[in-house]
């Protein structure tokens, strides 16, 4: 399989925060969306199954994108809120805050 520029991972949201987490993502801050675009992230989707969330996006240089987001004031504020809601952390200043899933199949 050729090198992919797609990335995916899952998070478990603490049950007491699921409604708040969903509400935040139904009405995301425009500044956070713009920062993700500037970072080079595109075709970003989040899917929900109960309190399990599946994230996928495309990006040509994920390391540069995560570095950009780690330095973003807006993203750091957003991530400080959402990190309290998940089992794990969205803090991009930590080493490997997100563990991407391995892509094993793609139908083009």
C-alpha atoms as a PDB file:
ATOM      1  CA  UNK A   1       0.000   0.000   0.000  1.00  0.00           C
ATOM      2  CA  UNK A   2       1.392   3.415  -0.908  1.00  0.00           C
ATOM      3  CA  UNK A   3       2.185   6.000   1.749  1.00  0.00           C
ATOM      4  CA  UNK A   4      -1.032   7.464   3.081  1.00  0.00           C
ATOM      5  CA  UNK A   5      -1.683  10.994   4.229  1.00  0.00           C
ATOM      6  CA  UNK A   6      -4.727   9.897   6.222  1.00  0.00           C
ATOM      7  CA  UNK A   7      -4.662   9.666   9.998  1.00  0.00           C
ATOM      8  CA  UNK A   8      -7.165   8.237  12.463  1.00  0.00           C
ATOM      9  CA  UNK A   9      -7.439   7.546  16.174  1.00  0.00           C
ATOM     10  CA  UNK A  10     -10.055   6.935  18.846  1.00  0.00           C
ATOM     11  CA  UNK A  11     -10.798   8.544  22.192  1.00  0.00           C
ATOM     12  CA  UNK A  12     -13.118   7.539  24.945  1.00  0.00           C
ATOM     13  CA  UNK A  13     -15.021  10.497  26.360  1.00  0.00           C
ATOM     14  CA  UNK A  14     -15.919  10.267  30.036  1.00  0.00           C
ATOM     15  CA  UNK A  15     -19.639   9.472  30.212  1.00  0.00           C
ATOM     16  CA  UNK A  16     -20.457  12.561  32.284  1.00  0.00           C
ATOM     17  CA  UNK A  17     -19.008  14.799  29.533  1.00  0.00           C
ATOM     18  CA  UNK A  18     -20.441  13.200  26.372  1.00  0.00           C
ATOM     19  CA  UNK A  19     -23.258  15.749  25.897  1.00  0.00           C
ATOM     20  CA  UNK A  20     -20.937  18.718  26.481  1.00  0.00           C
ATOM     21  CA  UNK A  21     -18.277  17.245  24.198  1.00  0.00           C
ATOM     22  CA  UNK A  22     -20.770  16.713  21.381  1.00  0.00           C
ATOM     23  CA  UNK A  23     -22.207  20.207  21.854  1.00  0.00           C
ATOM     24  CA  UNK A  24     -18.727  21.756  21.569  1.00  0.00           C
ATOM     25  CA  UNK A  25     -18.061  19.889  18.330  1.00  0.00           C
ATOM     26  CA  UNK A  26     -21.439  20.774  16.841  1.00  0.00           C
ATOM     27  CA  UNK A  27     -20.509  24.446  17.362  1.00  0.00           C
ATOM     28  CA  UNK A  28     -16.712  24.613  17.134  1.00  0.00           C
ATOM     29  CA  UNK A  29     -14.866  27.879  17.594  1.00  0.00           C
ATOM     30  CA  UNK A  30     -14.168  29.406  14.148  1.00  0.00           C
ATOM     31  CA  UNK A  31     -10.612  30.250  15.269  1.00  0.00           C
ATOM     32  CA  UNK A  32      -9.885  26.590  16.027  1.00  0.00           C
ATOM     33  CA  UNK A  33     -11.175  25.525  12.606  1.00  0.00           C
ATOM     34  CA  UNK A  34      -9.011  28.163  10.927  1.00  0.00           C
ATOM     35  CA  UNK A  35      -5.934  27.078  12.883  1.00  0.00           C
ATOM     36  CA  UNK A  36      -6.460  23.469  11.752  1.00  0.00           C
ATOM     37  CA  UNK A  37      -6.731  24.652   8.136  1.00  0.00           C
ATOM     38  CA  UNK A  38      -3.530  26.707   8.503  1.00  0.00           C
ATOM     39  CA  UNK A  39      -1.819  23.642   9.986  1.00  0.00           C
ATOM     40  CA  UNK A  40      -2.630  21.724   6.793  1.00  0.00           C
ATOM     41  CA  UNK A  41      -5.367  19.487   8.183  1.00  0.00           C
ATOM     42  CA  UNK A  42      -8.228  18.752   5.796  1.00  0.00           C
ATOM     43  CA  UNK A  43     -11.143  16.361   5.379  1.00  0.00           C
ATOM     44  CA  UNK A  44     -11.404  16.089   9.166  1.00  0.00           C
ATOM     45  CA  UNK A  45     -14.303  14.043  10.540  1.00  0.00           C
ATOM     46  CA  UNK A  46     -15.337  12.803  13.960  1.00  0.00           C
ATOM     47  CA  UNK A  47     -17.740   9.886  14.396  1.00  0.00           C
ATOM     48  CA  UNK A  48     -19.503   8.882  17.606  1.00  0.00           C
ATOM     49  CA  UNK A  49     -20.475   5.483  18.990  1.00  0.00           C
ATOM     50  CA  UNK A  50     -21.763   6.051  22.530  1.00  0.00           C
ATOM     51  CA  UNK A  51     -18.837   7.571  24.399  1.00  0.00           C
ATOM     52  CA  UNK A  52     -16.276   6.261  21.895  1.00  0.00           C
ATOM     53  CA  UNK A  53     -15.215   8.783  19.242  1.00  0.00           C
ATOM     54  CA  UNK A  54     -13.350   8.055  16.005  1.00  0.00           C
ATOM     55  CA  UNK A  55     -11.343  10.840  14.360  1.00  0.00           C
ATOM     56  CA  UNK A  56      -9.916  10.896  10.855  1.00  0.00           C
ATOM     57  CA  UNK A  57      -8.267  13.558   8.720  1.00  0.00           C
ATOM     58  CA  UNK A  58      -5.815  14.055   5.900  1.00  0.00           C
ATOM     59  CA  UNK A  59      -2.558  15.963   6.152  1.00  0.00           C
ATOM     60  CA  UNK A  60       0.621  16.109   4.086  1.00  0.00           C
ATOM     61  CA  UNK A  61       2.913  16.730   7.093  1.00  0.00           C
ATOM     62  CA  UNK A  62       1.305  15.609  10.345  1.00  0.00           C
ATOM     63  CA  UNK A  63       4.338  16.455  12.476  1.00  0.00           C
ATOM     64  CA  UNK A  64       4.342  20.058  11.222  1.00  0.00           C
ATOM     65  CA  UNK A  65       0.559  20.242  11.700  1.00  0.00           C
ATOM     66  CA  UNK A  66       0.716  19.019  15.301  1.00  0.00           C
ATOM     67  CA  UNK A  67       3.613  21.400  15.994  1.00  0.00           C
ATOM     68  CA  UNK A  68       1.561  24.313  14.611  1.00  0.00           C
ATOM     69  CA  UNK A  69      -1.469  23.357  16.713  1.00  0.00           C
ATOM     70  CA  UNK A  70       0.713  22.986  19.835  1.00  0.00           C
ATOM     71  CA  UNK A  71       1.691  26.655  19.454  1.00  0.00           C
ATOM     72  CA  UNK A  72      -1.835  27.933  18.766  1.00  0.00           C
ATOM     73  CA  UNK A  73      -3.395  29.983  21.555  1.00  0.00           C
ATOM     74  CA  UNK A  74      -6.933  29.108  20.416  1.00  0.00           C
ATOM     75  CA  UNK A  75      -6.215  25.388  20.073  1.00  0.00           C
ATOM     76  CA  UNK A  76      -4.507  25.274  23.462  1.00  0.00           C
ATOM     77  CA  UNK A  77      -7.576  26.860  25.101  1.00  0.00           C
ATOM     78  CA  UNK A  78      -9.897  24.404  23.312  1.00  0.00           C
ATOM     79  CA  UNK A  79      -7.660  21.434  24.160  1.00  0.00           C
ATOM     80  CA  UNK A  80      -7.476  22.452  27.833  1.00  0.00           C
ATOM     81  CA  UNK A  81     -11.270  22.159  27.984  1.00  0.00           C
ATOM     82  CA  UNK A  82     -11.629  18.949  25.982  1.00  0.00           C
ATOM     83  CA  UNK A  83      -8.679  17.176  27.632  1.00  0.00           C
ATOM     84  CA  UNK A  84     -10.647  17.134  30.880  1.00  0.00           C
ATOM     85  CA  UNK A  85     -13.435  15.295  29.063  1.00  0.00           C
ATOM     86  CA  UNK A  86     -11.447  12.443  27.538  1.00  0.00           C
ATOM     87  CA  UNK A  87      -9.475   9.495  28.837  1.00  0.00           C
ATOM     88  CA  UNK A  88      -6.130  10.793  27.618  1.00  0.00           C
ATOM     89  CA  UNK A  89      -5.138  14.273  26.513  1.00  0.00           C
ATOM     90  CA  UNK A  90      -5.398  16.575  23.523  1.00  0.00           C
ATOM     91  CA  UNK A  91      -2.340  18.479  24.749  1.00  0.00           C
ATOM     92  CA  UNK A  92      -0.168  18.628  21.636  1.00  0.00           C
ATOM     93  CA  UNK A  93       2.737  19.833  23.763  1.00  0.00           C
ATOM     94  CA  UNK A  94       2.969  16.355  25.288  1.00  0.00           C
ATOM     95  CA  UNK A  95       4.926  13.648  23.590  1.00  0.00           C
ATOM     96  CA  UNK A  96       2.521  11.596  21.447  1.00  0.00           C
ATOM     97  CA  UNK A  97      -0.791  12.958  22.714  1.00  0.00           C
ATOM     98  CA  UNK A  98      -2.544  11.038  19.939  1.00  0.00           C
ATOM     99  CA  UNK A  99      -1.644   7.524  18.857  1.00  0.00           C
ATOM    100  CA  UNK A 100      -2.617   7.201  15.177  1.00  0.00           C
ATOM    101  CA  UNK A 101      -4.184   3.954  14.055  1.00  0.00           C
ATOM    102  CA  UNK A 102      -2.441   1.917  11.387  1.00  0.00           C
ATOM    103  CA  UNK A 103      -4.213   1.996   8.038  1.00  0.00           C
ATOM    104  CA  UNK A 104      -4.416  -1.532   6.659  1.00  0.00           C
ATOM    105  CA  UNK A 105      -6.881  -1.095   3.774  1.00  0.00           C
ATOM    106  CA  UNK A 106      -7.943   1.661   1.409  1.00  0.00           C
ATOM    107  CA  UNK A 107     -10.208   1.387  -1.624  1.00  0.00           C
ATOM    108  CA  UNK A 108      -9.357   4.146  -4.078  1.00  0.00           C
END
